[in-house]
Structures are given as structure tokens and as C-alpha cells.
Amino acid sequence: DVRFAKSGYKYAGAPFAWYVIPPGVKTMLHISECNGRYKMVCTLVEALPTNHFITSYSHGKFRPLKGTLQELFDQLIKIGVTQHYGIVEGDYTAELENLAGLLEFDFYRI
């Protein structure tokens, strides 16, 4: 990202700091390890139209397709998820559940 090269930012990930997630339905996925087991946690969200609003790690605005934002984050915390998510356009929750089964990961669909 040439904006990074010409800026005073020096931290890892800074070239990604200007990215804004485009609007539409997305699959949001978290994968982590805890006590020797891997877990996959996924949900569907709608990325909302927005302009770039902060040069940081906030890449857009979204809302869950089911329930409220408070309910989504309550469930994430209860499962033991903190941060770092992969986001892809479309609904891949069924494919992720199949993959989790093949890999013997714990799977949570919110």
C-alpha cells in the first residue's frame, strides 16, 4: 500500500489500516486453541455501508443477522473468543462446520 510507504506508520498491519469491508452478508470466523483443542466460531453478519473513519484496525461497521450486537458479543465471550476474525463474502457456515468435523475441531455457530 503506497499510502503506508509514504506515511509515518511503522507498525505491523498498518498497510491494512485503510481497508473498509464492503457492504453485504459475510461469514465471520474465529479459530483458536484452548487446552489442546481447536475451536471454530462462526456467524453471519451484514457489513453496513460506511466510509473509512479511522486509520487503525476498525475496518467497517456490521450487524449480526440474528439477534442483537450485545447478544452476539455475549455469546463470543461465553465461548471464549477474544479477537481476530476472518471475514468472507457469502454464507460458508455449512462448509466450515464440515471442515471442523474433518479436523476434529469444536464448532460453534452463533
PDB file of N, CA and C in Angstrom:
ATOM      1  N   ASP A   1       0.858  -1.170   0.000  1.00  0.00           N
ATOM      2  CA  ASP A   1       0.000   0.000   0.000  1.00  0.00           C
ATOM      3  C   ASP A   1       0.905   1.234   0.000  1.00  0.00           C
ATOM      4  N   VAL A   2       0.849   2.016  -1.042  1.00  0.00           N
ATOM      5  CA  VAL A   2       1.730   3.184  -1.149  1.00  0.00           C
ATOM      6  C   VAL A   2       1.416   4.225  -0.079  1.00  0.00           C
ATOM      7  N   ARG A   3       0.185   4.239   0.420  1.00  0.00           N
ATOM      8  CA  ARG A   3      -0.135   5.183   1.499  1.00  0.00           C
ATOM      9  C   ARG A   3       0.705   4.865   2.729  1.00  0.00           C
ATOM     10  N   PHE A   4       0.928   3.585   2.999  1.00  0.00           N
ATOM     11  CA  PHE A   4       1.754   3.187   4.136  1.00  0.00           C
ATOM     12  C   PHE A   4       3.200   3.614   3.913  1.00  0.00           C
ATOM     13  N   ALA A   5       3.716   3.369   2.724  1.00  0.00           N
ATOM     14  CA  ALA A   5       5.112   3.701   2.420  1.00  0.00           C
ATOM     15  C   ALA A   5       5.387   5.192   2.581  1.00  0.00           C
ATOM     16  N   LYS A   6       4.389   6.007   2.325  1.00  0.00           N
ATOM     17  CA  LYS A   6       4.560   7.465   2.406  1.00  0.00           C
ATOM     18  C   LYS A   6       4.111   8.038   3.753  1.00  0.00           C
ATOM     19  N   SER A   7       3.781   7.177   4.693  1.00  0.00           N
ATOM     20  CA  SER A   7       3.257   7.655   5.969  1.00  0.00           C
ATOM     21  C   SER A   7       4.283   7.478   7.084  1.00  0.00           C
ATOM     22  N   GLY A   8       3.913   7.958   8.247  1.00  0.00           N
ATOM     23  CA  GLY A   8       4.754   7.800   9.423  1.00  0.00           C
ATOM     24  C   GLY A   8       4.437   6.535  10.204  1.00  0.00           C
ATOM     25  N   TYR A   9       3.510   5.698   9.697  1.00  0.00           N
ATOM     26  CA  TYR A   9       3.150   4.477  10.413  1.00  0.00           C
ATOM     27  C   TYR A   9       4.272   3.462  10.315  1.00  0.00           C
ATOM     28  N   LYS A  10       4.576   2.813  11.441  1.00  0.00           N
ATOM     29  CA  LYS A  10       5.677   1.858  11.437  1.00  0.00           C
ATOM     30  C   LYS A  10       5.286   0.508  12.029  1.00  0.00           C
ATOM     31  N   TYR A  11       4.025   0.298  12.306  1.00  0.00           N
ATOM     32  CA  TYR A  11       3.600  -0.918  12.985  1.00  0.00           C
ATOM     33  C   TYR A  11       3.082  -1.960  12.006  1.00  0.00           C
ATOM     34  N   ALA A  12       3.254  -3.224  12.386  1.00  0.00           N
ATOM     35  CA  ALA A  12       2.764  -4.323  11.550  1.00  0.00           C
ATOM     36  C   ALA A  12       1.263  -4.166  11.324  1.00  0.00           C
ATOM     37  N   GLY A  13       0.833  -4.451  10.132  1.00  0.00           N
ATOM     38  CA  GLY A  13      -0.581  -4.361   9.811  1.00  0.00           C
ATOM     39  C   GLY A  13      -1.016  -3.006   9.318  1.00  0.00           C
ATOM     40  N   ALA A  14      -0.150  -2.025   9.405  1.00  0.00           N
ATOM     41  CA  ALA A  14      -0.540  -0.673   9.011  1.00  0.00           C
ATOM     42  C   ALA A  14      -1.003  -0.574   7.559  1.00  0.00           C
ATOM     43  N   PRO A  15      -0.431  -1.322   6.605  1.00  0.00           N
ATOM     44  CA  PRO A  15      -0.947  -1.208   5.237  1.00  0.00           C
ATOM     45  C   PRO A  15      -2.420  -1.589   5.132  1.00  0.00           C
ATOM     46  N   PHE A  16      -2.895  -2.426   6.054  1.00  0.00           N
ATOM     47  CA  PHE A  16      -4.290  -2.856   6.050  1.00  0.00           C
ATOM     48  C   PHE A  16      -5.195  -1.838   6.741  1.00  0.00           C
ATOM     49  N   ALA A  17      -4.618  -0.825   7.346  1.00  0.00           N
ATOM     50  CA  ALA A  17      -5.377   0.105   8.183  1.00  0.00           C
ATOM     51  C   ALA A  17      -6.401   0.930   7.416  1.00  0.00           C
ATOM     52  N   TRP A  18      -6.282   1.021   6.108  1.00  0.00           N
ATOM     53  CA  TRP A  18      -7.220   1.824   5.320  1.00  0.00           C
ATOM     54  C   TRP A  18      -8.337   0.992   4.696  1.00  0.00           C
ATOM     55  N   TYR A  19      -8.301  -0.318   4.890  1.00  0.00           N
ATOM     56  CA  TYR A  19      -9.286  -1.193   4.265  1.00  0.00           C
ATOM     57  C   TYR A  19     -10.657  -1.012   4.905  1.00  0.00           C
ATOM     58  N   VAL A  20     -11.704  -0.948   4.085  1.00  0.00           N
ATOM     59  CA  VAL A  20     -13.084  -0.905   4.562  1.00  0.00           C
ATOM     60  C   VAL A  20     -13.814  -2.107   3.964  1.00  0.00           C
ATOM     61  N   ILE A  21     -14.432  -2.904   4.817  1.00  0.00           N
ATOM     62  CA  ILE A  21     -15.177  -4.080   4.369  1.00  0.00           C
ATOM     63  C   ILE A  21     -16.370  -3.622   3.545  1.00  0.00           C
ATOM     64  N   PRO A  22     -16.544  -4.160   2.328  1.00  0.00           N
ATOM     65  CA  PRO A  22     -17.680  -3.750   1.502  1.00  0.00           C
ATOM     66  C   PRO A  22     -19.002  -4.265   2.072  1.00  0.00           C
ATOM     67  N   PRO A  23     -20.105  -3.570   1.780  1.00  0.00           N
ATOM     68  CA  PRO A  23     -21.414  -3.973   2.297  1.00  0.00           C
ATOM     69  C   PRO A  23     -21.832  -5.355   1.800  1.00  0.00           C
ATOM     70  N   GLY A  24     -22.679  -6.000   2.590  1.00  0.00           N
ATOM     71  CA  GLY A  24     -23.257  -7.281   2.208  1.00  0.00           C
ATOM     72  C   GLY A  24     -23.134  -8.319   3.302  1.00  0.00           C
ATOM     73  N   VAL A  25     -23.742  -9.479   3.054  1.00  0.00           N
ATOM     74  CA  VAL A  25     -23.714 -10.577   4.016  1.00  0.00           C
ATOM     75  C   VAL A  25     -22.337 -11.238   3.985  1.00  0.00           C
ATOM     76  N   LYS A  26     -21.780 -11.449   5.166  1.00  0.00           N
ATOM     77  CA  LYS A  26     -20.440 -12.029   5.313  1.00  0.00           C
ATOM     78  C   LYS A  26     -20.478 -13.160   6.339  1.00  0.00           C
ATOM     79  N   THR A  27     -19.600 -14.125   6.152  1.00  0.00           N
ATOM     80  CA  THR A  27     -19.331 -15.123   7.178  1.00  0.00           C
ATOM     81  C   THR A  27     -18.154 -14.608   7.992  1.00  0.00           C
ATOM     82  N   MET A  28     -18.329 -14.576   9.306  1.00  0.00           N
ATOM     83  CA  MET A  28     -17.275 -14.130  10.210  1.00  0.00           C
ATOM     84  C   MET A  28     -16.793 -15.352  10.991  1.00  0.00           C
ATOM     85  N   LEU A  29     -15.486 -15.615  10.974  1.00  0.00           N
ATOM     86  CA  LEU A  29     -14.921 -16.826  11.569  1.00  0.00           C
ATOM     87  C   LEU A  29     -13.762 -16.502  12.504  1.00  0.00           C
ATOM     88  N   HIS A  30     -13.748 -17.196  13.613  1.00  0.00           N
ATOM     89  CA  HIS A  30     -12.622 -17.149  14.550  1.00  0.00           C
ATOM     90  C   HIS A  30     -12.134 -18.583  14.751  1.00  0.00           C
ATOM     91  N   ILE A  31     -10.821 -18.780  14.759  1.00  0.00           N
ATOM     92  CA  ILE A  31     -10.224 -20.084  15.065  1.00  0.00           C
ATOM     93  C   ILE A  31      -9.164 -19.865  16.139  1.00  0.00           C
ATOM     94  N   SER A  32      -9.211 -20.681  17.182  1.00  0.00           N
ATOM     95  CA  SER A  32      -8.187 -20.596  18.225  1.00  0.00           C
ATOM     96  C   SER A  32      -8.038 -21.943  18.921  1.00  0.00           C
ATOM     97  N   GLU A  33      -7.011 -22.036  19.746  1.00  0.00           N
ATOM     98  CA  GLU A  33      -6.721 -23.248  20.502  1.00  0.00           C
ATOM     99  C   GLU A  33      -6.854 -22.943  21.983  1.00  0.00           C
ATOM    100  N   CYS A  34      -7.422 -23.889  22.715  1.00  0.00           N
ATOM    101  CA  CYS A  34      -7.546 -23.744  24.164  1.00  0.00           C
ATOM    102  C   CYS A  34      -7.488 -25.138  24.779  1.00  0.00           C
ATOM    103  N   ASN A  35      -6.577 -25.336  25.707  1.00  0.00           N
ATOM    104  CA  ASN A  35      -6.443 -26.615  26.413  1.00  0.00           C
ATOM    105  C   ASN A  35      -6.283 -27.800  25.465  1.00  0.00           C
ATOM    106  N   GLY A  36      -5.504 -27.613  24.415  1.00  0.00           N
ATOM    107  CA  GLY A  36      -5.218 -28.698  23.494  1.00  0.00           C
ATOM    108  C   GLY A  36      -6.283 -28.974  22.449  1.00  0.00           C
ATOM    109  N   ARG A  37      -7.354 -28.189  22.426  1.00  0.00           N
ATOM    110  CA  ARG A  37      -8.435 -28.357  21.450  1.00  0.00           C
ATOM    111  C   ARG A  37      -8.546 -27.087  20.615  1.00  0.00           C
ATOM    112  N   TYR A  38      -8.835 -27.276  19.346  1.00  0.00           N
ATOM    113  CA  TYR A  38      -9.096 -26.133  18.481  1.00  0.00           C
ATOM    114  C   TYR A  38     -10.589 -25.900  18.404  1.00  0.00           C
ATOM    115  N   LYS A  39     -10.953 -24.639  18.252  1.00  0.00           N
ATOM    116  CA  LYS A  39     -12.366 -24.310  18.089  1.00  0.00           C
ATOM    117  C   LYS A  39     -12.536 -23.343  16.936  1.00  0.00           C
ATOM    118  N   MET A  40     -13.639 -23.533  16.238  1.00  0.00           N
ATOM    119  CA  MET A  40     -14.062 -22.623  15.174  1.00  0.00           C
ATOM    120  C   MET A  40     -15.381 -22.015  15.633  1.00  0.00           C
ATOM    121  N   VAL A  41     -15.466 -20.705  15.560  1.00  0.00           N
ATOM    122  CA  VAL A  41     -16.679 -19.987  15.935  1.00  0.00           C
ATOM    123  C   VAL A  41     -17.072 -19.133  14.747  1.00  0.00           C
ATOM    124  N   CYS A  42     -18.288 -19.314  14.246  1.00  0.00           N
ATOM    125  CA  CYS A  42     -18.682 -18.515  13.085  1.00  0.00           C
ATOM    126  C   CYS A  42     -20.104 -18.001  13.234  1.00  0.00           C
ATOM    127  N   THR A  43     -20.370 -16.965  12.500  1.00  0.00           N
ATOM    128  CA  THR A  43     -21.693 -16.359  12.461  1.00  0.00           C
ATOM    129  C   THR A  43     -21.833 -15.594  11.155  1.00  0.00           C
ATOM    130  N   LEU A  44     -23.056 -15.210  10.862  1.00  0.00           N
ATOM    131  CA  LEU A  44     -23.309 -14.369   9.696  1.00  0.00           C
ATOM    132  C   LEU A  44     -23.549 -12.944  10.157  1.00  0.00           C
ATOM    133  N   VAL A  45     -22.931 -12.014   9.469  1.00  0.00           N
ATOM    134  CA  VAL A  45     -23.117 -10.599   9.756  1.00  0.00           C
ATOM    135  C   VAL A  45     -23.423  -9.868   8.457  1.00  0.00           C
ATOM    136  N   GLU A  46     -24.009  -8.707   8.604  1.00  0.00           N
ATOM    137  CA  GLU A  46     -24.194  -7.825   7.454  1.00  0.00           C
ATOM    138  C   GLU A  46     -23.247  -6.649   7.616  1.00  0.00           C
ATOM    139  N   ALA A  47     -22.306  -6.524   6.696  1.00  0.00           N
ATOM    140  CA  ALA A  47     -21.437  -5.350   6.690  1.00  0.00           C
ATOM    141  C   ALA A  47     -22.258  -4.187   6.153  1.00  0.00           C
ATOM    142  N   LEU A  48     -22.233  -3.094   6.865  1.00  0.00           N
ATOM    143  CA  LEU A  48     -23.046  -1.928   6.519  1.00  0.00           C
ATOM    144  C   LEU A  48     -22.233  -0.929   5.706  1.00  0.00           C
ATOM    145  N   PRO A  49     -22.900  -0.196   4.837  1.00  0.00           N
ATOM    146  CA  PRO A  49     -22.177   0.832   4.075  1.00  0.00           C
ATOM    147  C   PRO A  49     -21.560   1.858   5.030  1.00  0.00           C
ATOM    148  N   THR A  50     -20.305   2.170   4.822  1.00  0.00           N
ATOM    149  CA  THR A  50     -19.631   3.170   5.648  1.00  0.00           C
ATOM    150  C   THR A  50     -18.412   3.698   4.908  1.00  0.00           C
ATOM    151  N   ASN A  51     -18.014   4.868   5.265  1.00  0.00           N
ATOM    152  CA  ASN A  51     -16.773   5.434   4.748  1.00  0.00           C
ATOM    153  C   ASN A  51     -15.652   5.111   5.720  1.00  0.00           C
ATOM    154  N   HIS A  52     -14.419   5.172   5.242  1.00  0.00           N
ATOM    155  CA  HIS A  52     -13.264   4.982   6.110  1.00  0.00           C
ATOM    156  C   HIS A  52     -13.341   6.019   7.228  1.00  0.00           C
ATOM    157  N   PHE A  53     -13.228   5.581   8.484  1.00  0.00           N
ATOM    158  CA  PHE A  53     -13.422   6.537   9.576  1.00  0.00           C
ATOM    159  C   PHE A  53     -12.292   6.577  10.583  1.00  0.00           C
ATOM    160  N   ILE A  54     -11.354   5.635  10.540  1.00  0.00           N
ATOM    161  CA  ILE A  54     -10.222   5.701  11.451  1.00  0.00           C
ATOM    162  C   ILE A  54      -9.084   4.875  10.850  1.00  0.00           C
ATOM    163  N   THR A  55      -7.898   5.403  10.874  1.00  0.00           N
ATOM    164  CA  THR A  55      -6.743   4.670  10.361  1.00  0.00           C
ATOM    165  C   THR A  55      -6.242   3.775  11.482  1.00  0.00           C
ATOM    166  N   SER A  56      -6.793   2.592  11.524  1.00  0.00           N
ATOM    167  CA  SER A  56      -6.493   1.660  12.600  1.00  0.00           C
ATOM    168  C   SER A  56      -6.976   0.289  12.188  1.00  0.00           C
ATOM    169  N   TYR A  57      -7.476  -0.448  13.143  1.00  0.00           N
ATOM    170  CA  TYR A  57      -7.920  -1.802  12.857  1.00  0.00           C
ATOM    171  C   TYR A  57      -9.437  -1.914  12.850  1.00  0.00           C
ATOM    172  N   SER A  58     -10.138  -0.827  12.795  1.00  0.00           N
ATOM    173  CA  SER A  58     -11.590  -0.843  12.594  1.00  0.00           C
ATOM    174  C   SER A  58     -11.829  -0.789  11.097  1.00  0.00           C
ATOM    175  N   HIS A  59     -12.321  -1.889  10.547  1.00  0.00           N
ATOM    176  CA  HIS A  59     -12.415  -1.994   9.092  1.00  0.00           C
ATOM    177  C   HIS A  59     -13.826  -1.852   8.556  1.00  0.00           C
ATOM    178  N   GLY A  60     -14.755  -1.457   9.374  1.00  0.00           N
ATOM    179  CA  GLY A  60     -16.112  -1.285   8.895  1.00  0.00           C
ATOM    180  C   GLY A  60     -17.104  -1.349  10.031  1.00  0.00           C
ATOM    181  N   LYS A  61     -18.352  -1.369   9.641  1.00  0.00           N
ATOM    182  CA  LYS A  61     -19.451  -1.497  10.594  1.00  0.00           C
ATOM    183  C   LYS A  61     -20.277  -2.695  10.169  1.00  0.00           C
ATOM    184  N   PHE A  62     -20.797  -3.429  11.148  1.00  0.00           N
ATOM    185  CA  PHE A  62     -21.614  -4.585  10.820  1.00  0.00           C
ATOM    186  C   PHE A  62     -22.680  -4.784  11.879  1.00  0.00           C
ATOM    187  N   ARG A  63     -23.643  -5.633  11.532  1.00  0.00           N
ATOM    188  CA  ARG A  63     -24.668  -6.054  12.481  1.00  0.00           C
ATOM    189  C   ARG A  63     -24.869  -7.551  12.297  1.00  0.00           C
ATOM    190  N   PRO A  64     -25.174  -8.270  13.368  1.00  0.00           N
ATOM    191  CA  PRO A  64     -25.441  -9.700  13.227  1.00  0.00           C
ATOM    192  C   PRO A  64     -26.767  -9.920  12.503  1.00  0.00           C
ATOM    193  N   LEU A  65     -26.863 -11.000  11.749  1.00  0.00           N
ATOM    194  CA  LEU A  65     -28.126 -11.311  11.079  1.00  0.00           C
ATOM    195  C   LEU A  65     -29.149 -11.866  12.056  1.00  0.00           C
ATOM    196  N   LYS A  66     -28.675 -12.450  13.171  1.00  0.00           N
ATOM    197  CA  LYS A  66     -29.572 -12.968  14.210  1.00  0.00           C
ATOM    198  C   LYS A  66     -29.269 -12.247  15.514  1.00  0.00           C
ATOM    199  N   GLY A  67     -30.302 -11.788  16.183  1.00  0.00           N
ATOM    200  CA  GLY A  67     -30.125 -11.182  17.492  1.00  0.00           C
ATOM    201  C   GLY A  67     -29.495  -9.801  17.442  1.00  0.00           C
ATOM    202  N   THR A  68     -29.131  -9.343  18.628  1.00  0.00           N
ATOM    203  CA  THR A  68     -28.543  -8.014  18.763  1.00  0.00           C
ATOM    204  C   THR A  68     -27.023  -8.115  18.825  1.00  0.00           C
ATOM    205  N   LEU A  69     -26.371  -6.993  18.669  1.00  0.00           N
ATOM    206  CA  LEU A  69     -24.917  -6.947  18.789  1.00  0.00           C
ATOM    207  C   LEU A  69     -24.483  -7.360  20.197  1.00  0.00           C
ATOM    208  N   GLN A  70     -25.219  -6.919  21.201  1.00  0.00           N
ATOM    209  CA  GLN A  70     -24.915  -7.303  22.591  1.00  0.00           C
ATOM    210  C   GLN A  70     -24.985  -8.820  22.753  1.00  0.00           C
ATOM    211  N   GLU A  71     -26.031  -9.441  22.193  1.00  0.00           N
ATOM    212  CA  GLU A  71     -26.172 -10.897  22.293  1.00  0.00           C
ATOM    213  C   GLU A  71     -25.023 -11.618  21.588  1.00  0.00           C
ATOM    214  N   LEU A  72     -24.620 -11.113  20.419  1.00  0.00           N
ATOM    215  CA  LEU A  72     -23.506 -11.721  19.687  1.00  0.00           C
ATOM    216  C   LEU A  72     -22.232 -11.691  20.529  1.00  0.00           C
ATOM    217  N   PHE A  73     -21.889 -10.529  21.062  1.00  0.00           N
ATOM    218  CA  PHE A  73     -20.654 -10.427  21.836  1.00  0.00           C
ATOM    219  C   PHE A  73     -20.742 -11.179  23.162  1.00  0.00           C
ATOM    220  N   ASP A  74     -21.925 -11.249  23.771  1.00  0.00           N
ATOM    221  CA  ASP A  74     -22.094 -12.074  24.974  1.00  0.00           C
ATOM    222  C   ASP A  74     -21.780 -13.537  24.665  1.00  0.00           C
ATOM    223  N   GLN A  75     -22.268 -14.030  23.520  1.00  0.00           N
ATOM    224  CA  GLN A  75     -22.009 -15.422  23.134  1.00  0.00           C
ATOM    225  C   GLN A  75     -20.532 -15.643  22.819  1.00  0.00           C
ATOM    226  N   LEU A  76     -19.915 -14.702  22.123  1.00  0.00           N
ATOM    227  CA  LEU A  76     -18.487 -14.827  21.817  1.00  0.00           C
ATOM    228  C   LEU A  76     -17.663 -14.914  23.100  1.00  0.00           C
ATOM    229  N   ILE A  77     -17.974 -14.068  24.059  1.00  0.00           N
ATOM    230  CA  ILE A  77     -17.245 -14.073  25.332  1.00  0.00           C
ATOM    231  C   ILE A  77     -17.496 -15.373  26.086  1.00  0.00           C
ATOM    232  N   LYS A  78     -18.741 -15.849  26.083  1.00  0.00           N
ATOM    233  CA  LYS A  78     -19.077 -17.102  26.769  1.00  0.00           C
ATOM    234  C   LYS A  78     -18.304 -18.280  26.173  1.00  0.00           C
ATOM    235  N   ILE A  79     -18.152 -18.309  24.855  1.00  0.00           N
ATOM    236  CA  ILE A  79     -17.410 -19.378  24.176  1.00  0.00           C
ATOM    237  C   ILE A  79     -15.912 -19.238  24.432  1.00  0.00           C
ATOM    238  N   GLY A  80     -15.460 -18.022  24.663  1.00  0.00           N
ATOM    239  CA  GLY A  80     -14.044 -17.797  24.942  1.00  0.00           C
ATOM    240  C   GLY A  80     -13.279 -17.212  23.778  1.00  0.00           C
ATOM    241  N   VAL A  81     -13.956 -16.412  22.987  1.00  0.00           N
ATOM    242  CA  VAL A  81     -13.340 -15.763  21.827  1.00  0.00           C
ATOM    243  C   VAL A  81     -12.999 -14.330  22.205  1.00  0.00           C
ATOM    244  N   THR A  82     -11.835 -13.880  21.785  1.00  0.00           N
ATOM    245  CA  THR A  82     -11.471 -12.502  22.086  1.00  0.00           C
ATOM    246  C   THR A  82     -11.431 -11.646  20.838  1.00  0.00           C
ATOM    247  N   GLN A  83     -10.510 -11.919  19.941  1.00  0.00           N
ATOM    248  CA  GLN A  83     -10.340 -11.049  18.784  1.00  0.00           C
ATOM    249  C   GLN A  83      -9.791 -11.836  17.605  1.00  0.00           C
ATOM    250  N   HIS A  84      -9.626 -11.162  16.510  1.00  0.00           N
ATOM    251  CA  HIS A  84      -9.103 -11.689  15.248  1.00  0.00           C
ATOM    252  C   HIS A  84     -10.102 -12.626  14.572  1.00  0.00           C
ATOM    253  N   TYR A  85     -10.682 -12.115  13.515  1.00  0.00           N
ATOM    254  CA  TYR A  85     -11.694 -12.833  12.749  1.00  0.00           C
ATOM    255  C   TYR A  85     -11.348 -12.785  11.273  1.00  0.00           C
ATOM    256  N   GLY A  86     -11.686 -13.851  10.584  1.00  0.00           N
ATOM    257  CA  GLY A  86     -11.653 -13.844   9.132  1.00  0.00           C
ATOM    258  C   GLY A  86     -13.050 -13.521   8.643  1.00  0.00           C
ATOM    259  N   ILE A  87     -13.143 -12.726   7.600  1.00  0.00           N
ATOM    260  CA  ILE A  87     -14.447 -12.348   7.057  1.00  0.00           C
ATOM    261  C   ILE A  87     -14.420 -12.568   5.557  1.00  0.00           C
ATOM    262  N   VAL A  88     -15.458 -13.240   5.055  1.00  0.00           N
ATOM    263  CA  VAL A  88     -15.555 -13.515   3.626  1.00  0.00           C
ATOM    264  C   VAL A  88     -16.993 -13.275   3.176  1.00  0.00           C
ATOM    265  N   GLU A  89     -17.136 -12.837   1.951  1.00  0.00           N
ATOM    266  CA  GLU A  89     -18.464 -12.571   1.407  1.00  0.00           C
ATOM    267  C   GLU A  89     -19.236 -13.868   1.233  1.00  0.00           C
ATOM    268  N   GLY A  90     -20.498 -13.869   1.667  1.00  0.00           N
ATOM    269  CA  GLY A  90     -21.369 -15.027   1.486  1.00  0.00           C
ATOM    270  C   GLY A  90     -21.507 -15.847   2.757  1.00  0.00           C
ATOM    271  N   ASP A  91     -22.265 -16.933   2.629  1.00  0.00           N
ATOM    272  CA  ASP A  91     -22.535 -17.823   3.756  1.00  0.00           C
ATOM    273  C   ASP A  91     -21.753 -19.123   3.567  1.00  0.00           C
ATOM    274  N   TYR A  92     -20.726 -19.311   4.360  1.00  0.00           N
ATOM    275  CA  TYR A  92     -19.909 -20.519   4.315  1.00  0.00           C
ATOM    276  C   TYR A  92     -19.997 -21.300   5.620  1.00  0.00           C
ATOM    277  N   THR A  93     -21.065 -21.067   6.395  1.00  0.00           N
ATOM    278  CA  THR A  93     -21.164 -21.717   7.696  1.00  0.00           C
ATOM    279  C   THR A  93     -21.280 -23.238   7.574  1.00  0.00           C
ATOM    280  N   ALA A  94     -22.008 -23.746   6.593  1.00  0.00           N
ATOM    281  CA  ALA A  94     -22.138 -25.205   6.424  1.00  0.00           C
ATOM    282  C   ALA A  94     -20.792 -25.822   6.064  1.00  0.00           C
ATOM    283  N   GLU A  95     -20.067 -25.186   5.163  1.00  0.00           N
ATOM    284  CA  GLU A  95     -18.746 -25.688   4.770  1.00  0.00           C
ATOM    285  C   GLU A  95     -17.775 -25.668   5.948  1.00  0.00           C
ATOM    286  N   LEU A  96     -17.851 -24.619   6.764  1.00  0.00           N
ATOM    287  CA  LEU A  96     -16.974 -24.533   7.932  1.00  0.00           C
ATOM    288  C   LEU A  96     -17.311 -25.603   8.963  1.00  0.00           C
ATOM    289  N   GLU A  97     -18.594 -25.893   9.125  1.00  0.00           N
ATOM    290  CA  GLU A  97     -18.989 -26.960  10.045  1.00  0.00           C
ATOM    291  C   GLU A  97     -18.453 -28.310   9.557  1.00  0.00           C
ATOM    292  N   ASN A  98     -18.538 -28.567   8.259  1.00  0.00           N
ATOM    293  CA  ASN A  98     -17.979 -29.804   7.699  1.00  0.00           C
ATOM    294  C   ASN A  98     -16.470 -29.868   7.915  1.00  0.00           C
ATOM    295  N   LEU A  99     -15.776 -28.762   7.653  1.00  0.00           N
ATOM    296  CA  LEU A  99     -14.326 -28.716   7.843  1.00  0.00           C
ATOM    297  C   LEU A  99     -13.960 -28.960   9.305  1.00  0.00           C
ATOM    298  N   ALA A 100     -14.691 -28.339  10.216  1.00  0.00           N
ATOM    299  CA  ALA A 100     -14.432 -28.537  11.646  1.00  0.00           C
ATOM    300  C   ALA A 100     -14.580 -30.011  12.012  1.00  0.00           C
ATOM    301  N   GLY A 101     -15.575 -30.671  11.448  1.00  0.00           N
ATOM    302  CA  GLY A 101     -15.757 -32.098  11.707  1.00  0.00           C
ATOM    303  C   GLY A 101     -14.590 -32.925  11.201  1.00  0.00           C
ATOM    304  N   LEU A 102     -14.134 -32.628   9.998  1.00  0.00           N
ATOM    305  CA  LEU A 102     -12.991 -33.352   9.428  1.00  0.00           C
ATOM    306  C   LEU A 102     -11.724 -33.152  10.253  1.00  0.00           C
ATOM    307  N   LEU A 103     -11.546 -31.942  10.764  1.00  0.00           N
ATOM    308  CA  LEU A 103     -10.348 -31.604  11.540  1.00  0.00           C
ATOM    309  C   LEU A 103     -10.487 -31.922  13.028  1.00  0.00           C
ATOM    310  N   GLU A 104     -11.682 -32.384  13.423  1.00  0.00           N
ATOM    311  CA  GLU A 104     -11.997 -32.666  14.827  1.00  0.00           C
ATOM    312  C   GLU A 104     -11.852 -31.431  15.709  1.00  0.00           C
ATOM    313  N   PHE A 105     -12.280 -30.289  15.175  1.00  0.00           N
ATOM    314  CA  PHE A 105     -12.330 -29.033  15.929  1.00  0.00           C
ATOM    315  C   PHE A 105     -13.707 -28.922  16.578  1.00  0.00           C
ATOM    316  N   ASP A 106     -13.772 -28.252  17.716  1.00  0.00           N
ATOM    317  CA  ASP A 106     -15.067 -27.873  18.279  1.00  0.00           C
ATOM    318  C   ASP A 106     -15.653 -26.799  17.371  1.00  0.00           C
ATOM    319  N   PHE A 107     -16.955 -26.852  17.141  1.00  0.00           N
ATOM    320  CA  PHE A 107     -17.586 -25.913  16.218  1.00  0.00           C
ATOM    321  C   PHE A 107     -18.754 -25.223  16.902  1.00  0.00           C
ATOM    322  N   TYR A 108     -18.794 -23.912  16.755  1.00  0.00           N
ATOM    323  CA  TYR A 108     -19.885 -23.099  17.302  1.00  0.00           C
ATOM    324  C   TYR A 108     -20.423 -22.218  16.192  1.00  0.00           C
ATOM    325  N   ARG A 109     -21.721 -22.314  15.955  1.00  0.00           N
ATOM    326  CA  ARG A 109     -22.373 -21.414  15.001  1.00  0.00           C
ATOM    327  C   ARG A 109     -23.305 -20.527  15.819  1.00  0.00           C
ATOM    328  N   ILE A 110     -23.068 -19.249  15.753  1.00  0.00           N
ATOM    329  CA  ILE A 110     -23.889 -18.294  16.506  1.00  0.00           C
ATOM    330  C   ILE A 110     -24.946 -17.736  15.575  1.00  0.00           C
TER     331      ILE A 110
END
